[in-house]
């Protein structure tokens, strides 16, 4: 069963409480999203590690309820 956009946003906000988060449903099917996350948790980390933190926050939903997630992560300027 696909994950709702609001649910995905809440999961990410729970994982990154300080973050500025924008989630977009790319295909309108609840399976393909883009998430832009700006969080201090990413400061000094390489992009791969930033994405690993996001996947950890998703608690196994990637590949199951969530088919595809395009990530744009960064630390605040």
N, C-alpha and C. Protein backbone atom coordinates (compact mmCIF):
# COMPACT_ATOMS: atom_id res chain seq x y z
N UNK A 1 0.84 -1.19 0.00
CA UNK A 1 0.00 0.00 0.00
C UNK A 1 0.88 1.24 0.00
N UNK A 2 0.63 2.20 -0.89
CA UNK A 2 1.45 3.41 -0.96
C UNK A 2 1.36 4.23 0.32
N UNK A 3 2.35 5.06 0.52
CA UNK A 3 2.38 5.94 1.68
C UNK A 3 1.84 7.32 1.28
N UNK A 4 1.03 7.91 2.12
CA UNK A 4 0.45 9.23 1.83
C UNK A 4 1.53 10.31 1.99
N UNK A 5 1.42 11.34 1.19
CA UNK A 5 2.39 12.43 1.24
C UNK A 5 2.48 13.04 2.64
N UNK A 6 1.35 13.26 3.29
CA UNK A 6 1.34 13.83 4.64
C UNK A 6 2.04 12.90 5.63
N UNK A 7 1.87 11.59 5.46
CA UNK A 7 2.53 10.63 6.34
C UNK A 7 4.05 10.66 6.13
N UNK A 8 4.47 10.75 4.88
CA UNK A 8 5.89 10.82 4.58
C UNK A 8 6.49 12.09 5.18
N UNK A 9 5.79 13.21 5.02
CA UNK A 9 6.27 14.46 5.60
C UNK A 9 6.41 14.34 7.11
N UNK A 10 5.43 13.72 7.76
CA UNK A 10 5.48 13.58 9.22
C UNK A 10 6.62 12.69 9.67
N UNK A 11 6.86 11.60 8.95
CA UNK A 11 7.98 10.70 9.29
C UNK A 11 9.29 11.47 9.20
N UNK A 12 9.45 12.26 8.14
CA UNK A 12 10.68 13.03 7.98
C UNK A 12 10.81 14.11 9.05
N UNK A 13 9.70 14.76 9.41
CA UNK A 13 9.73 15.78 10.46
C UNK A 13 10.07 15.15 11.81
N UNK A 14 9.58 13.94 12.05
CA UNK A 14 9.92 13.23 13.29
C UNK A 14 11.40 12.91 13.33
N UNK A 15 11.96 12.53 12.17
CA UNK A 15 13.37 12.17 12.10
C UNK A 15 14.31 13.37 12.12
N UNK A 16 13.82 14.51 11.62
CA UNK A 16 14.63 15.72 11.53
C UNK A 16 13.80 16.91 12.02
N UNK A 17 13.60 17.01 13.34
CA UNK A 17 12.70 18.03 13.89
C UNK A 17 13.09 19.47 13.55
N UNK A 18 14.38 19.71 13.33
CA UNK A 18 14.85 21.08 13.04
C UNK A 18 14.73 21.44 11.56
N UNK A 19 14.38 20.47 10.74
CA UNK A 19 14.53 20.60 9.29
C UNK A 19 13.44 21.42 8.62
N UNK A 20 13.85 21.98 7.49
CA UNK A 20 12.91 22.55 6.53
C UNK A 20 12.70 21.44 5.51
N UNK A 21 11.45 20.99 5.35
CA UNK A 21 11.15 19.82 4.53
C UNK A 21 10.07 20.15 3.51
N UNK A 22 10.31 19.75 2.26
CA UNK A 22 9.31 19.88 1.20
C UNK A 22 9.21 18.54 0.49
N UNK A 23 8.01 18.00 0.42
CA UNK A 23 7.78 16.71 -0.24
C UNK A 23 6.83 16.93 -1.41
N UNK A 24 7.19 16.35 -2.55
CA UNK A 24 6.37 16.46 -3.76
C UNK A 24 6.08 15.07 -4.29
N UNK A 25 4.81 14.80 -4.59
CA UNK A 25 4.40 13.53 -5.20
C UNK A 25 4.63 13.66 -6.70
N UNK A 26 5.63 12.98 -7.23
CA UNK A 26 6.05 13.17 -8.62
C UNK A 26 5.09 12.56 -9.63
N UNK A 27 4.44 11.46 -9.28
CA UNK A 27 3.60 10.76 -10.25
C UNK A 27 2.12 10.75 -9.87
N UNK A 28 1.79 11.28 -8.69
CA UNK A 28 0.41 11.27 -8.25
C UNK A 28 -0.08 9.91 -7.80
N UNK A 29 0.86 8.99 -7.56
CA UNK A 29 0.47 7.62 -7.21
C UNK A 29 0.84 7.21 -5.79
N UNK A 30 1.45 8.14 -5.02
CA UNK A 30 1.85 7.80 -3.67
C UNK A 30 3.04 6.87 -3.59
N UNK A 31 3.70 6.65 -4.70
CA UNK A 31 4.86 5.75 -4.75
C UNK A 31 6.15 6.45 -5.15
N UNK A 32 6.05 7.61 -5.77
CA UNK A 32 7.23 8.30 -6.30
C UNK A 32 7.25 9.74 -5.78
N UNK A 33 8.19 10.02 -4.89
CA UNK A 33 8.27 11.33 -4.26
C UNK A 33 9.63 11.97 -4.45
N UNK A 34 9.64 13.29 -4.30
CA UNK A 34 10.89 14.04 -4.16
C UNK A 34 10.81 14.70 -2.79
N UNK A 35 11.91 14.62 -2.04
CA UNK A 35 11.98 15.28 -0.74
C UNK A 35 13.21 16.18 -0.71
N UNK A 36 12.97 17.44 -0.34
CA UNK A 36 14.06 18.39 -0.10
C UNK A 36 14.13 18.60 1.40
N UNK A 37 15.29 18.31 1.98
CA UNK A 37 15.45 18.39 3.43
C UNK A 37 16.68 19.22 3.74
N UNK A 38 16.48 20.29 4.50
CA UNK A 38 17.59 21.13 4.95
C UNK A 38 17.64 20.98 6.47
N UNK A 39 18.72 20.38 6.96
CA UNK A 39 18.82 20.09 8.40
C UNK A 39 20.25 20.27 8.88
N UNK A 40 20.39 20.76 10.08
CA UNK A 40 21.71 20.88 10.71
C UNK A 40 22.34 19.50 10.92
N UNK A 41 21.51 18.46 10.96
CA UNK A 41 22.04 17.09 11.12
C UNK A 41 22.96 16.70 9.97
N UNK A 42 22.85 17.39 8.84
CA UNK A 42 23.65 17.06 7.66
C UNK A 42 24.98 17.83 7.60
N UNK A 43 25.19 18.75 8.51
CA UNK A 43 26.39 19.60 8.47
C UNK A 43 27.66 18.76 8.50
N UNK A 44 28.53 19.01 7.52
CA UNK A 44 29.82 18.34 7.47
C UNK A 44 29.79 16.90 6.97
N UNK A 45 28.62 16.41 6.61
CA UNK A 45 28.52 15.02 6.15
C UNK A 45 28.49 14.95 4.63
N UNK A 46 29.11 13.90 4.07
CA UNK A 46 29.00 13.71 2.62
C UNK A 46 27.56 13.35 2.24
N UNK A 47 27.20 13.59 1.00
CA UNK A 47 25.83 13.37 0.52
C UNK A 47 25.36 11.94 0.80
N UNK A 48 26.23 10.97 0.60
CA UNK A 48 25.83 9.56 0.83
C UNK A 48 25.41 9.36 2.28
N UNK A 49 26.16 9.92 3.21
CA UNK A 49 25.82 9.77 4.63
C UNK A 49 24.52 10.50 4.96
N UNK A 50 24.30 11.67 4.34
CA UNK A 50 23.05 12.40 4.54
C UNK A 50 21.87 11.54 4.13
N UNK A 51 21.99 10.91 2.97
CA UNK A 51 20.90 10.07 2.46
C UNK A 51 20.70 8.83 3.35
N UNK A 52 21.78 8.29 3.89
CA UNK A 52 21.66 7.15 4.80
C UNK A 52 20.86 7.53 6.04
N UNK A 53 21.07 8.75 6.52
CA UNK A 53 20.30 9.22 7.68
C UNK A 53 18.81 9.31 7.36
N UNK A 54 18.50 9.76 6.15
CA UNK A 54 17.09 9.85 5.73
C UNK A 54 16.49 8.45 5.65
N UNK A 55 17.20 7.51 5.04
CA UNK A 55 16.69 6.14 4.93
C UNK A 55 16.49 5.53 6.32
N UNK A 56 17.39 5.82 7.25
CA UNK A 56 17.24 5.31 8.61
C UNK A 56 15.97 5.89 9.25
N UNK A 57 15.69 7.17 9.01
CA UNK A 57 14.48 7.80 9.56
C UNK A 57 13.22 7.18 8.98
N UNK A 58 13.30 6.64 7.77
CA UNK A 58 12.14 6.02 7.12
C UNK A 58 11.82 4.64 7.68
N UNK A 59 12.72 4.10 8.49
CA UNK A 59 12.48 2.84 9.21
C UNK A 59 11.98 1.71 8.32
N UNK A 60 12.67 1.46 7.23
CA UNK A 60 12.36 0.31 6.39
C UNK A 60 11.21 0.50 5.40
N UNK A 61 10.68 1.71 5.30
CA UNK A 61 9.57 1.93 4.36
C UNK A 61 10.04 1.99 2.91
N UNK A 62 11.32 2.31 2.66
CA UNK A 62 11.85 2.33 1.29
C UNK A 62 11.81 0.93 0.72
N UNK A 63 11.33 0.82 -0.51
CA UNK A 63 11.26 -0.49 -1.15
C UNK A 63 9.99 -1.26 -0.80
N UNK A 64 9.26 -0.77 0.19
CA UNK A 64 8.00 -1.41 0.56
C UNK A 64 6.86 -0.45 0.25
N UNK A 65 6.46 0.30 1.28
CA UNK A 65 5.38 1.28 1.11
C UNK A 65 5.81 2.43 0.19
N UNK A 66 7.10 2.68 0.17
CA UNK A 66 7.65 3.79 -0.61
C UNK A 66 8.56 3.23 -1.69
N UNK A 67 8.15 3.37 -2.94
CA UNK A 67 8.88 2.76 -4.05
C UNK A 67 10.09 3.59 -4.47
N UNK A 68 9.90 4.90 -4.64
CA UNK A 68 10.99 5.75 -5.13
C UNK A 68 10.98 7.08 -4.41
N UNK A 69 12.17 7.53 -4.01
CA UNK A 69 12.31 8.80 -3.31
C UNK A 69 13.56 9.50 -3.83
N UNK A 70 13.36 10.60 -4.54
CA UNK A 70 14.47 11.43 -5.00
C UNK A 70 14.81 12.37 -3.85
N UNK A 71 16.04 12.32 -3.38
CA UNK A 71 16.44 13.12 -2.23
C UNK A 71 17.32 14.30 -2.62
N UNK A 72 17.03 15.43 -2.03
CA UNK A 72 17.90 16.61 -2.09
C UNK A 72 18.13 17.02 -0.64
N UNK A 73 19.34 16.79 -0.16
CA UNK A 73 19.63 17.09 1.25
C UNK A 73 20.75 18.11 1.34
N UNK A 74 20.69 18.94 2.38
CA UNK A 74 21.75 19.91 2.63
C UNK A 74 21.64 20.43 4.05
N UNK A 75 22.74 21.04 4.51
CA UNK A 75 22.75 21.73 5.79
C UNK A 75 22.35 23.18 5.55
N UNK A 76 21.84 23.85 6.57
CA UNK A 76 21.51 25.27 6.40
C UNK A 76 22.76 26.07 6.00
N UNK A 77 22.55 27.11 5.23
CA UNK A 77 23.67 27.94 4.77
C UNK A 77 24.25 28.74 5.92
